[in-house]
Amino acid sequence: MTLYALRRLAVALPILVAVTFCVFALVDLAPGDPAAAIAGENPTAERIAEIRVMLGLDEPLLTRYFSWFTSAVQADLGSSLANGQSVTEVIGDRLPVTISLVAVSMVITLVVGLAAGMVAALRHGRLADRVITALASGAIALPPFWVALVLVLIFSVNLSWFPSIGYEPLAAGLWPWLSHLLLPAIALALLPMAEVTMQFRQALATVLKLDYITNAEARGLSRPRVLGKHAAKNAAVPVTTVFAYRFAQVLGGTVAIESVFDLPGIGRLAVNSVLSRDIPVLLGLVALTTLIVLVINLLVDISYGYFNPKVRA
């Protein structure tokens, strides 16, 4: 098992380097000059050249990337070009908002997705199964930002049940915190929730037809015990792959959703960093999100390999 984990880790590290280098190179090729933006209005050529030297922009691309990467490994992501604040502090101030949003979204995904998938599997081929399948199929086709706008229109503008913008920390109280996150979390969760429903429905319906389930019921085990102890546990294994893949999508989806709901998270910070060409902050965000996704996928791979010995071979 340890060897399998080390192999997966050996694959993850080059991905981190490749992703950060590609973003570093793409930012460098983008139009505009960060030095000119920092210099202000009507700067002289000498002033721009001075700022470029100060920022190290006059050095070759590979040299700049190696310098940034060696510092990033030591948890030094540099300073923001916009305000001079440490990138680590800038991201750290925004990170709790995004973590809260993603956590609430994934809880909704798992609770509703698994429950709906189980109902559909137990009523396989019946009306409930067809309704749930139709709703899940339709949800997959809906863009999250469009869902977000519809939710704001219905539940914030018309019904005034939830706030449409802003964020309250958990320290302000459970309901103020949750009320600001519920609508954006639902918008983010709709697509992964639909896929978890479809995946779990199919897996559970297949497991329920296997011989060992029939034998367990023949031995007198109750239906809830058969579902909980045998069927659901085995059917949930392929859901972990969907969960890991959709976790990355939910994390990326915060860019649009945080802008719609005016949430001060790292998704909105990424948009502002692109618009202001704040390269250190943008690179820090890319490195952090890539690392989070790789860690989640690594944990899923390890857990999947643990329950499937053939995978580890």
C-alpha atoms as a PDB file:
ATOM      1  CA  MET A   1       0.000   0.000   0.000  1.00  0.00           C
ATOM      2  CA  THR A   2       2.862   2.389   0.816  1.00  0.00           C
ATOM      3  CA  LEU A   3       4.503   1.699  -2.545  1.00  0.00           C
ATOM      4  CA  TYR A   4       1.222   2.430  -4.316  1.00  0.00           C
ATOM      5  CA  ALA A   5       0.880   5.754  -2.477  1.00  0.00           C
ATOM      6  CA  LEU A   6       4.464   6.709  -3.356  1.00  0.00           C
ATOM      7  CA  ARG A   7       3.792   5.948  -7.030  1.00  0.00           C
ATOM      8  CA  ARG A   8       0.734   8.176  -7.020  1.00  0.00           C
ATOM      9  CA  LEU A   9       2.717  10.916  -5.277  1.00  0.00           C
ATOM     10  CA  ALA A  10       5.491  10.643  -7.879  1.00  0.00           C
ATOM     11  CA  VAL A  11       2.893  11.314 -10.577  1.00  0.00           C
ATOM     12  CA  ALA A  12       1.335  14.251  -8.698  1.00  0.00           C
ATOM     13  CA  LEU A  13       4.520  16.285  -8.241  1.00  0.00           C
ATOM     14  CA  PRO A  14       5.352  16.683 -11.961  1.00  0.00           C
ATOM     15  CA  ILE A  15       1.736  17.735 -12.567  1.00  0.00           C
ATOM     16  CA  LEU A  16       2.121  20.527 -10.019  1.00  0.00           C
ATOM     17  CA  VAL A  17       5.299  21.739 -11.727  1.00  0.00           C
ATOM     18  CA  ALA A  18       3.768  21.508 -15.214  1.00  0.00           C
ATOM     19  CA  VAL A  19       0.576  23.382 -14.289  1.00  0.00           C
ATOM     20  CA  THR A  20       2.355  26.219 -12.499  1.00  0.00           C
ATOM     21  CA  PHE A  21       4.912  26.588 -15.310  1.00  0.00           C
ATOM     22  CA  CYS A  22       2.200  26.698 -17.994  1.00  0.00           C
ATOM     23  CA  VAL A  23       0.330  29.420 -16.108  1.00  0.00           C
ATOM     24  CA  PHE A  24       3.601  31.280 -15.507  1.00  0.00           C
ATOM     25  CA  ALA A  25       4.377  31.198 -19.234  1.00  0.00           C
ATOM     26  CA  LEU A  26       0.829  32.151 -20.286  1.00  0.00           C
ATOM     27  CA  VAL A  27       0.801  35.131 -17.940  1.00  0.00           C
ATOM     28  CA  ASP A  28       4.138  36.209 -19.359  1.00  0.00           C
ATOM     29  CA  LEU A  29       2.721  36.039 -22.916  1.00  0.00           C
ATOM     30  CA  ALA A  30      -0.424  37.986 -22.045  1.00  0.00           C
ATOM     31  CA  PRO A  31      -0.688  41.528 -23.426  1.00  0.00           C
ATOM     32  CA  GLY A  32       0.226  44.397 -21.162  1.00  0.00           C
ATOM     33  CA  ASP A  33       3.165  45.135 -18.904  1.00  0.00           C
ATOM     34  CA  PRO A  34       2.824  44.815 -15.124  1.00  0.00           C
ATOM     35  CA  ALA A  35       5.629  47.329 -14.691  1.00  0.00           C
ATOM     36  CA  ALA A  36       3.732  49.915 -16.733  1.00  0.00           C
ATOM     37  CA  ALA A  37       0.571  49.270 -14.688  1.00  0.00           C
ATOM     38  CA  ILE A  38       2.454  49.768 -11.428  1.00  0.00           C
ATOM     39  CA  ALA A  39       4.196  52.903 -12.671  1.00  0.00           C
ATOM     40  CA  GLY A  40       0.882  54.740 -12.940  1.00  0.00           C
ATOM     41  CA  GLU A  41      -0.290  57.239 -15.532  1.00  0.00           C
ATOM     42  CA  ASN A  42       2.146  58.638 -18.109  1.00  0.00           C
ATOM     43  CA  PRO A  43       5.276  56.927 -16.777  1.00  0.00           C
ATOM     44  CA  THR A  44       8.657  57.498 -18.318  1.00  0.00           C
ATOM     45  CA  ALA A  45      10.526  54.681 -20.068  1.00  0.00           C
ATOM     46  CA  GLU A  46      13.231  54.907 -17.422  1.00  0.00           C
ATOM     47  CA  ARG A  47      10.710  54.440 -14.625  1.00  0.00           C
ATOM     48  CA  ILE A  48       9.160  51.390 -16.328  1.00  0.00           C
ATOM     49  CA  ALA A  49      12.607  49.893 -16.889  1.00  0.00           C
ATOM     50  CA  GLU A  50      13.476  50.498 -13.242  1.00  0.00           C
ATOM     51  CA  ILE A  51      10.331  48.693 -12.049  1.00  0.00           C
ATOM     52  CA  ARG A  52      10.979  45.795 -14.429  1.00  0.00           C
ATOM     53  CA  VAL A  53      14.445  45.337 -12.921  1.00  0.00           C
ATOM     54  CA  MET A  54      13.023  45.627  -9.397  1.00  0.00           C
ATOM     55  CA  LEU A  55      10.448  42.903 -10.145  1.00  0.00           C
ATOM     56  CA  GLY A  56      12.934  40.717 -12.008  1.00  0.00           C
ATOM     57  CA  LEU A  57      10.927  40.975 -15.231  1.00  0.00           C
ATOM     58  CA  ASP A  58      14.104  41.622 -17.230  1.00  0.00           C
ATOM     59  CA  GLU A  59      15.359  38.083 -16.524  1.00  0.00           C
ATOM     60  CA  PRO A  60      14.634  35.035 -18.765  1.00  0.00           C
ATOM     61  CA  LEU A  61      11.378  33.131 -18.210  1.00  0.00           C
ATOM     62  CA  LEU A  62      13.006  29.952 -16.900  1.00  0.00           C
ATOM     63  CA  THR A  63      15.138  31.907 -14.450  1.00  0.00           C
ATOM     64  CA  ARG A  64      12.117  33.737 -13.087  1.00  0.00           C
ATOM     65  CA  TYR A  65      10.094  30.543 -12.805  1.00  0.00           C
ATOM     66  CA  PHE A  66      12.883  28.672 -11.005  1.00  0.00           C
ATOM     67  CA  SER A  67      13.289  31.566  -8.576  1.00  0.00           C
ATOM     68  CA  TRP A  68       9.534  31.665  -7.923  1.00  0.00           C
ATOM     69  CA  PHE A  69       9.220  27.885  -7.520  1.00  0.00           C
ATOM     70  CA  THR A  70      12.137  27.576  -5.098  1.00  0.00           C
ATOM     71  CA  SER A  71      10.600  30.342  -2.978  1.00  0.00           C
ATOM     72  CA  ALA A  72       7.113  28.787  -3.209  1.00  0.00           C
ATOM     73  CA  VAL A  73       8.450  25.468  -1.908  1.00  0.00           C
ATOM     74  CA  GLN A  74       9.543  27.409   1.188  1.00  0.00           C
ATOM     75  CA  ALA A  75       6.031  28.900   1.535  1.00  0.00           C
ATOM     76  CA  ASP A  76       7.209  32.277   0.216  1.00  0.00           C
ATOM     77  CA  LEU A  77       4.878  33.324  -2.608  1.00  0.00           C
ATOM     78  CA  GLY A  78       6.192  36.868  -2.825  1.00  0.00           C
ATOM     79  CA  SER A  79       4.253  40.115  -2.466  1.00  0.00           C
ATOM     80  CA  SER A  80       1.187  41.437  -4.229  1.00  0.00           C
ATOM     81  CA  LEU A  81       1.909  43.983  -6.949  1.00  0.00           C
ATOM     82  CA  ALA A  82      -1.326  45.784  -6.071  1.00  0.00           C
ATOM     83  CA  ASN A  83      -0.693  46.624  -2.416  1.00  0.00           C
ATOM     84  CA  GLY A  84       2.652  45.089  -1.460  1.00  0.00           C
ATOM     85  CA  GLN A  85       1.005  42.696   1.016  1.00  0.00           C
ATOM     86  CA  SER A  86       2.324  39.167   1.341  1.00  0.00           C
ATOM     87  CA  VAL A  87       0.598  36.818  -1.109  1.00  0.00           C
ATOM     88  CA  THR A  88       0.262  34.231   1.648  1.00  0.00           C
ATOM     89  CA  GLU A  89      -1.636  36.756   3.782  1.00  0.00           C
ATOM     90  CA  VAL A  90      -3.804  37.907   0.868  1.00  0.00           C
ATOM     91  CA  ILE A  91      -4.842  34.348   0.067  1.00  0.00           C
ATOM     92  CA  GLY A  92      -5.148  33.401   3.735  1.00  0.00           C
ATOM     93  CA  ASP A  93      -7.659  36.207   4.320  1.00  0.00           C
ATOM     94  CA  ARG A  94      -9.877  34.968   1.468  1.00  0.00           C
ATOM     95  CA  LEU A  95      -9.425  31.213   1.874  1.00  0.00           C
ATOM     96  CA  PRO A  96     -11.929  30.623   4.731  1.00  0.00           C
ATOM     97  CA  VAL A  97     -14.760  31.995   2.567  1.00  0.00           C
ATOM     98  CA  THR A  98     -14.053  29.602  -0.298  1.00  0.00           C
ATOM     99  CA  ILE A  99     -13.463  26.651   2.025  1.00  0.00           C
ATOM    100  CA  SER A 100     -16.846  27.321   3.662  1.00  0.00           C
ATOM    101  CA  LEU A 101     -18.580  27.584   0.283  1.00  0.00           C
ATOM    102  CA  VAL A 102     -17.006  24.403  -1.094  1.00  0.00           C
ATOM    103  CA  ALA A 103     -17.653  22.476   2.146  1.00  0.00           C
ATOM    104  CA  VAL A 104     -21.357  23.373   2.225  1.00  0.00           C
ATOM    105  CA  SER A 105     -21.633  22.602  -1.484  1.00  0.00           C
ATOM    106  CA  MET A 106     -20.054  19.152  -1.155  1.00  0.00           C
ATOM    107  CA  VAL A 107     -22.195  18.283   1.878  1.00  0.00           C
ATOM    108  CA  ILE A 108     -25.290  19.103  -0.173  1.00  0.00           C
ATOM    109  CA  THR A 109     -23.881  17.073  -3.054  1.00  0.00           C
ATOM    110  CA  LEU A 110     -23.330  13.942  -0.971  1.00  0.00           C
ATOM    111  CA  VAL A 111     -26.459  14.081   1.201  1.00  0.00           C
ATOM    112  CA  VAL A 112     -28.948  14.844  -1.568  1.00  0.00           C
ATOM    113  CA  GLY A 113     -27.109  12.897  -4.281  1.00  0.00           C
ATOM    114  CA  LEU A 114     -26.818   9.673  -2.278  1.00  0.00           C
ATOM    115  CA  ALA A 115     -30.379   9.925  -0.954  1.00  0.00           C
ATOM    116  CA  ALA A 116     -31.860  10.548  -4.409  1.00  0.00           C
ATOM    117  CA  GLY A 117     -29.719   7.808  -5.946  1.00  0.00           C
ATOM    118  CA  MET A 118     -30.847   5.302  -3.326  1.00  0.00           C
ATOM    119  CA  VAL A 119     -34.524   6.145  -3.845  1.00  0.00           C
ATOM    120  CA  ALA A 120     -34.117   5.793  -7.622  1.00  0.00           C
ATOM    121  CA  ALA A 121     -32.317   2.455  -7.261  1.00  0.00           C
ATOM    122  CA  LEU A 122     -34.918   1.038  -4.868  1.00  0.00           C
ATOM    123  CA  ARG A 123     -37.693   2.156  -7.241  1.00  0.00           C
ATOM    124  CA  HIS A 124     -35.786   1.121 -10.347  1.00  0.00           C
ATOM    125  CA  GLY A 125     -37.982   1.400 -13.441  1.00  0.00           C
ATOM    126  CA  ARG A 126     -40.881   2.972 -11.553  1.00  0.00           C
ATOM    127  CA  LEU A 127     -42.239   6.503 -11.539  1.00  0.00           C
ATOM    128  CA  ALA A 128     -39.928   7.780  -8.792  1.00  0.00           C
ATOM    129  CA  ASP A 129     -36.888   6.445 -10.658  1.00  0.00           C
ATOM    130  CA  ARG A 130     -37.968   8.084 -13.923  1.00  0.00           C
ATOM    131  CA  VAL A 131     -38.668  11.444 -12.233  1.00  0.00           C
ATOM    132  CA  ILE A 132     -35.319  11.490 -10.388  1.00  0.00           C
ATOM    133  CA  THR A 133     -33.432  10.429 -13.517  1.00  0.00           C
ATOM    134  CA  ALA A 134     -35.137  13.135 -15.591  1.00  0.00           C
ATOM    135  CA  LEU A 135     -34.393  15.828 -13.005  1.00  0.00           C
ATOM    136  CA  ALA A 136     -30.765  14.741 -12.664  1.00  0.00           C
ATOM    137  CA  SER A 137     -30.304  14.664 -16.435  1.00  0.00           C
ATOM    138  CA  GLY A 138     -31.749  18.154 -16.714  1.00  0.00           C
ATOM    139  CA  ALA A 139     -29.579  19.486 -13.878  1.00  0.00           C
ATOM    140  CA  ILE A 140     -26.410  18.350 -15.675  1.00  0.00           C
ATOM    141  CA  ALA A 141     -27.263  20.690 -18.568  1.00  0.00           C
ATOM    142  CA  LEU A 142     -27.722  23.829 -16.417  1.00  0.00           C
ATOM    143  CA  PRO A 143     -24.755  26.249 -16.109  1.00  0.00           C
ATOM    144  CA  PRO A 144     -24.007  27.053 -12.442  1.00  0.00           C
ATOM    145  CA  PHE A 145     -23.875  30.828 -12.988  1.00  0.00           C
ATOM    146  CA  TRP A 146     -27.352  30.744 -14.616  1.00  0.00           C
ATOM    147  CA  VAL A 147     -28.694  28.685 -11.714  1.00  0.00           C
ATOM    148  CA  ALA A 148     -27.163  31.245  -9.347  1.00  0.00           C
ATOM    149  CA  LEU A 149     -28.982  34.124 -11.046  1.00  0.00           C
ATOM    150  CA  VAL A 150     -32.303  32.238 -10.971  1.00  0.00           C
ATOM    151  CA  LEU A 151     -31.860  31.442  -7.267  1.00  0.00           C
ATOM    152  CA  VAL A 152     -31.142  35.098  -6.490  1.00  0.00           C
ATOM    153  CA  LEU A 153     -34.201  36.205  -8.459  1.00  0.00           C
ATOM    154  CA  ILE A 154     -36.533  33.740  -6.715  1.00  0.00           C
ATOM    155  CA  PHE A 155     -35.263  33.456  -3.149  1.00  0.00           C
ATOM    156  CA  SER A 156     -33.582  36.844  -2.649  1.00  0.00           C
ATOM    157  CA  VAL A 157     -35.438  39.350  -4.812  1.00  0.00           C
ATOM    158  CA  ASN A 158     -38.979  37.908  -4.844  1.00  0.00           C
ATOM    159  CA  LEU A 159     -39.214  35.968  -1.575  1.00  0.00           C
ATOM    160  CA  SER A 160     -36.485  37.751   0.461  1.00  0.00           C
ATOM    161  CA  TRP A 161     -35.603  34.509   2.217  1.00  0.00           C
ATOM    162  CA  PHE A 162     -31.835  34.745   1.761  1.00  0.00           C
ATOM    163  CA  PRO A 163     -29.357  37.599   1.230  1.00  0.00           C
ATOM    164  CA  SER A 164     -28.268  38.043  -2.383  1.00  0.00           C
ATOM    165  CA  ILE A 165     -24.717  39.235  -1.750  1.00  0.00           C
ATOM    166  CA  GLY A 166     -22.085  39.361   0.963  1.00  0.00           C
ATOM    167  CA  TYR A 167     -20.640  36.992   3.538  1.00  0.00           C
ATOM    168  CA  GLU A 168     -20.781  36.582   7.292  1.00  0.00           C
ATOM    169  CA  PRO A 169     -18.104  34.574   9.147  1.00  0.00           C
ATOM    170  CA  LEU A 170     -19.096  31.605  11.278  1.00  0.00           C
ATOM    171  CA  ALA A 171     -18.184  33.637  14.366  1.00  0.00           C
ATOM    172  CA  ALA A 172     -21.211  35.859  13.647  1.00  0.00           C
ATOM    173  CA  GLY A 173     -23.528  32.885  14.154  1.00  0.00           C
ATOM    174  CA  LEU A 174     -24.466  29.669  12.394  1.00  0.00           C
ATOM    175  CA  TRP A 175     -27.533  30.995  10.551  1.00  0.00           C
ATOM    176  CA  PRO A 176     -25.990  34.292   9.304  1.00  0.00           C
ATOM    177  CA  TRP A 177     -23.024  32.269   8.009  1.00  0.00           C
ATOM    178  CA  LEU A 178     -25.171  29.568   6.411  1.00  0.00           C
ATOM    179  CA  SER A 179     -27.789  31.958   4.996  1.00  0.00           C
ATOM    180  CA  HIS A 180     -25.126  33.754   2.942  1.00  0.00           C
ATOM    181  CA  LEU A 181     -23.690  30.459   1.654  1.00  0.00           C
ATOM    182  CA  LEU A 182     -26.782  28.379   0.958  1.00  0.00           C
ATOM    183  CA  LEU A 183     -27.779  29.817  -2.432  1.00  0.00           C
ATOM    184  CA  PRO A 184     -24.237  29.869  -3.909  1.00  0.00           C
ATOM    185  CA  ALA A 185     -23.603  26.386  -2.493  1.00  0.00           C
ATOM    186  CA  ILE A 186     -26.764  25.027  -4.149  1.00  0.00           C
ATOM    187  CA  ALA A 187     -25.744  26.615  -7.461  1.00  0.00           C
ATOM    188  CA  LEU A 188     -22.331  24.964  -7.200  1.00  0.00           C
ATOM    189  CA  ALA A 189     -23.711  21.627  -5.995  1.00  0.00           C
ATOM    190  CA  LEU A 190     -26.383  21.100  -8.644  1.00  0.00           C
ATOM    191  CA  LEU A 191     -24.160  19.508 -11.294  1.00  0.00           C
ATOM    192  CA  PRO A 192     -22.050  17.240  -9.024  1.00  0.00           C
ATOM    193  CA  MET A 193     -25.210  16.315  -7.091  1.00  0.00           C
ATOM    194  CA  ALA A 194     -26.874  15.176 -10.317  1.00  0.00           C
ATOM    195  CA  GLU A 195     -23.861  13.085 -11.307  1.00  0.00           C
ATOM    196  CA  VAL A 196     -23.557  11.503  -7.859  1.00  0.00           C
ATOM    197  CA  THR A 197     -27.273  10.648  -8.062  1.00  0.00           C
ATOM    198  CA  MET A 198     -26.908   8.996 -11.472  1.00  0.00           C
ATOM    199  CA  GLN A 199     -23.719   7.145 -10.522  1.00  0.00           C
ATOM    200  CA  PHE A 200     -25.038   5.874  -7.184  1.00  0.00           C
ATOM    201  CA  ARG A 201     -28.381   4.896  -8.715  1.00  0.00           C
ATOM    202  CA  GLN A 202     -26.704   2.755 -11.358  1.00  0.00           C
ATOM    203  CA  ALA A 203     -24.171   1.217  -8.980  1.00  0.00           C
ATOM    204  CA  LEU A 204     -26.727   0.411  -6.286  1.00  0.00           C
ATOM    205  CA  ALA A 205     -29.239  -1.021  -8.767  1.00  0.00           C
ATOM    206  CA  THR A 206     -26.491  -3.328 -10.064  1.00  0.00           C
ATOM    207  CA  VAL A 207     -25.394  -4.400  -6.572  1.00  0.00           C
ATOM    208  CA  LEU A 208     -28.960  -5.171  -5.504  1.00  0.00           C
ATOM    209  CA  LYS A 209     -29.191  -7.789  -8.261  1.00  0.00           C
ATOM    210  CA  LEU A 210     -26.085  -9.692  -7.117  1.00  0.00           C
ATOM    211  CA  ASP A 211     -26.327 -13.118  -5.501  1.00  0.00           C
ATOM    212  CA  TYR A 212     -24.869 -12.180  -2.126  1.00  0.00           C
ATOM    213  CA  ILE A 213     -27.631  -9.568  -1.618  1.00  0.00           C
ATOM    214  CA  THR A 214     -30.268 -12.196  -2.406  1.00  0.00           C
ATOM    215  CA  ASN A 215     -28.559 -14.623  -0.001  1.00  0.00           C
ATOM    216  CA  ALA A 216     -28.421 -11.982   2.749  1.00  0.00           C
ATOM    217  CA  GLU A 217     -32.134 -11.321   2.425  1.00  0.00           C
ATOM    218  CA  ALA A 218     -32.835 -15.055   2.353  1.00  0.00           C
ATOM    219  CA  ARG A 219     -31.024 -15.416   5.687  1.00  0.00           C
ATOM    220  CA  GLY A 220     -33.580 -13.075   7.195  1.00  0.00           C
ATOM    221  CA  LEU A 221     -31.586  -9.842   7.315  1.00  0.00           C
ATOM    222  CA  SER A 222     -33.788  -6.763   7.274  1.00  0.00           C
ATOM    223  CA  ARG A 223     -33.874  -4.575   4.187  1.00  0.00           C
ATOM    224  CA  PRO A 224     -32.283  -1.534   5.920  1.00  0.00           C
ATOM    225  CA  ARG A 225     -29.441  -3.697   7.236  1.00  0.00           C
ATOM    226  CA  VAL A 226     -28.807  -5.231   3.823  1.00  0.00           C
ATOM    227  CA  LEU A 227     -28.704  -1.774   2.273  1.00  0.00           C
ATOM    228  CA  GLY A 228     -26.518  -0.196   4.921  1.00  0.00           C
ATOM    229  CA  LYS A 229     -24.088  -3.017   5.646  1.00  0.00           C
ATOM    230  CA  HIS A 230     -23.706  -4.588   2.206  1.00  0.00           C
ATOM    231  CA  ALA A 231     -25.254  -2.885  -0.810  1.00  0.00           C
ATOM    232  CA  ALA A 232     -24.755   0.836  -0.179  1.00  0.00           C
ATOM    233  CA  LYS A 233     -21.171   0.440   1.021  1.00  0.00           C
ATOM    234  CA  ASN A 234     -20.094  -1.414  -2.118  1.00  0.00           C
ATOM    235  CA  ALA A 235     -22.122   0.799  -4.453  1.00  0.00           C
ATOM    236  CA  ALA A 236     -20.515   3.928  -2.995  1.00  0.00           C
ATOM    237  CA  VAL A 237     -16.996   2.940  -4.126  1.00  0.00           C
ATOM    238  CA  PRO A 238     -17.320   4.280  -7.713  1.00  0.00           C
ATOM    239  CA  VAL A 239     -18.937   7.456  -6.344  1.00  0.00           C
ATOM    240  CA  THR A 240     -15.576   8.439  -4.814  1.00  0.00           C
ATOM    241  CA  THR A 241     -14.120   8.900  -8.296  1.00  0.00           C
ATOM    242  CA  VAL A 242     -16.997  11.163  -9.314  1.00  0.00           C
ATOM    243  CA  PHE A 243     -16.678  13.057  -6.030  1.00  0.00           C
ATOM    244  CA  ALA A 244     -12.964  13.778  -6.579  1.00  0.00           C
ATOM    245  CA  TYR A 245     -13.495  14.895 -10.162  1.00  0.00           C
ATOM    246  CA  ARG A 246     -16.417  17.143  -9.279  1.00  0.00           C
ATOM    247  CA  PHE A 247     -14.582  18.571  -6.251  1.00  0.00           C
ATOM    248  CA  ALA A 248     -12.102  20.128  -8.674  1.00  0.00           C
ATOM    249  CA  GLN A 249     -14.969  21.478 -10.749  1.00  0.00           C
ATOM    250  CA  VAL A 250     -16.688  22.971  -7.702  1.00  0.00           C
ATOM    251  CA  LEU A 251     -13.431  24.631  -6.645  1.00  0.00           C
ATOM    252  CA  GLY A 252     -13.028  26.105 -10.120  1.00  0.00           C
ATOM    253  CA  GLY A 253     -16.673  27.138 -10.212  1.00  0.00           C
ATOM    254  CA  THR A 254     -16.157  29.489  -7.267  1.00  0.00           C
ATOM    255  CA  VAL A 255     -14.645  31.993  -9.727  1.00  0.00           C
ATOM    256  CA  ALA A 256     -18.063  32.683 -11.288  1.00  0.00           C
ATOM    257  CA  ILE A 257     -20.265  32.005  -8.261  1.00  0.00           C
ATOM    258  CA  GLU A 258     -18.315  34.257  -5.886  1.00  0.00           C
ATOM    259  CA  SER A 259     -18.566  37.061  -8.431  1.00  0.00           C
ATOM    260  CA  VAL A 260     -22.356  36.628  -8.706  1.00  0.00           C
ATOM    261  CA  PHE A 261     -22.886  36.643  -4.929  1.00  0.00           C
ATOM    262  CA  ASP A 262     -20.072  39.130  -4.145  1.00  0.00           C
ATOM    263  CA  LEU A 263     -18.312  36.663  -1.849  1.00  0.00           C
ATOM    264  CA  PRO A 264     -14.779  37.736  -0.837  1.00  0.00           C
ATOM    265  CA  GLY A 265     -13.169  34.347  -1.565  1.00  0.00           C
ATOM    266  CA  ILE A 266     -10.220  33.195  -3.635  1.00  0.00           C
ATOM    267  CA  GLY A 267     -12.396  32.802  -6.747  1.00  0.00           C
ATOM    268  CA  ARG A 268     -13.184  36.508  -6.808  1.00  0.00           C
ATOM    269  CA  LEU A 269      -9.575  37.240  -5.876  1.00  0.00           C
ATOM    270  CA  ALA A 270      -8.471  35.316  -8.962  1.00  0.00           C
ATOM    271  CA  VAL A 271     -10.685  37.474 -11.191  1.00  0.00           C
ATOM    272  CA  ASN A 272      -9.324  40.672  -9.646  1.00  0.00           C
ATOM    273  CA  SER A 273      -5.749  39.416  -9.983  1.00  0.00           C
ATOM    274  CA  VAL A 274      -6.220  38.720 -13.695  1.00  0.00           C
ATOM    275  CA  LEU A 275      -7.767  42.144 -14.317  1.00  0.00           C
ATOM    276  CA  SER A 276      -4.985  43.947 -12.435  1.00  0.00           C
ATOM    277  CA  ARG A 277      -2.226  41.619 -13.702  1.00  0.00           C
ATOM    278  CA  ASP A 278      -1.185  40.876 -10.130  1.00  0.00           C
ATOM    279  CA  ILE A 279       1.048  37.986 -11.195  1.00  0.00           C
ATOM    280  CA  PRO A 280       2.336  36.865  -7.749  1.00  0.00           C
ATOM    281  CA  VAL A 281      -1.213  36.551  -6.362  1.00  0.00           C
ATOM    282  CA  LEU A 282      -2.434  34.753  -9.485  1.00  0.00           C
ATOM    283  CA  LEU A 283       0.444  32.267  -9.375  1.00  0.00           C
ATOM    284  CA  GLY A 284      -0.098  31.704  -5.670  1.00  0.00           C
ATOM    285  CA  LEU A 285      -3.769  30.911  -6.302  1.00  0.00           C
ATOM    286  CA  VAL A 286      -2.915  28.507  -9.120  1.00  0.00           C
ATOM    287  CA  ALA A 287      -0.342  26.716  -6.976  1.00  0.00           C
ATOM    288  CA  LEU A 288      -2.743  26.440  -4.031  1.00  0.00           C
ATOM    289  CA  THR A 289      -5.746  25.189  -6.005  1.00  0.00           C
ATOM    290  CA  THR A 290      -3.598  22.736  -7.971  1.00  0.00           C
ATOM    291  CA  LEU A 291      -2.126  21.394  -4.733  1.00  0.00           C
ATOM    292  CA  ILE A 292      -5.594  21.005  -3.161  1.00  0.00           C
ATOM    293  CA  VAL A 293      -6.939  19.134  -6.194  1.00  0.00           C
ATOM    294  CA  LEU A 294      -3.880  16.872  -6.327  1.00  0.00           C
ATOM    295  CA  VAL A 295      -4.169  16.053  -2.620  1.00  0.00           C
ATOM    296  CA  ILE A 296      -7.886  15.221  -2.952  1.00  0.00           C
ATOM    297  CA  ASN A 297      -7.221  13.015  -5.982  1.00  0.00           C
ATOM    298  CA  LEU A 298      -4.294  11.368  -4.233  1.00  0.00           C
ATOM    299  CA  LEU A 299      -6.437  10.519  -1.197  1.00  0.00           C
ATOM    300  CA  VAL A 300      -9.181   9.140  -3.448  1.00  0.00           C
ATOM    301  CA  ASP A 301      -6.660   7.062  -5.428  1.00  0.00           C
ATOM    302  CA  ILE A 302      -5.174   5.664  -2.237  1.00  0.00           C
ATOM    303  CA  SER A 303      -8.582   4.826  -0.754  1.00  0.00           C
ATOM    304  CA  TYR A 304      -9.711   3.268  -4.044  1.00  0.00           C
ATOM    305  CA  GLY A 305      -6.509   1.222  -4.205  1.00  0.00           C
ATOM    306  CA  TYR A 306      -6.998   0.130  -0.594  1.00  0.00           C
ATOM    307  CA  PHE A 307     -10.431  -1.349  -1.352  1.00  0.00           C
ATOM    308  CA  ASN A 308      -9.334  -2.747  -4.736  1.00  0.00           C
ATOM    309  CA  PRO A 309      -6.144  -4.819  -4.403  1.00  0.00           C
ATOM    310  CA  LYS A 310      -5.980  -5.384  -8.165  1.00  0.00           C
ATOM    311  CA  VAL A 311      -5.460  -1.645  -8.685  1.00  0.00           C
ATOM    312  CA  ARG A 312      -2.390  -1.644  -6.467  1.00  0.00           C
ATOM    313  CA  ALA A 313      -0.731  -4.432  -8.433  1.00  0.00           C
END
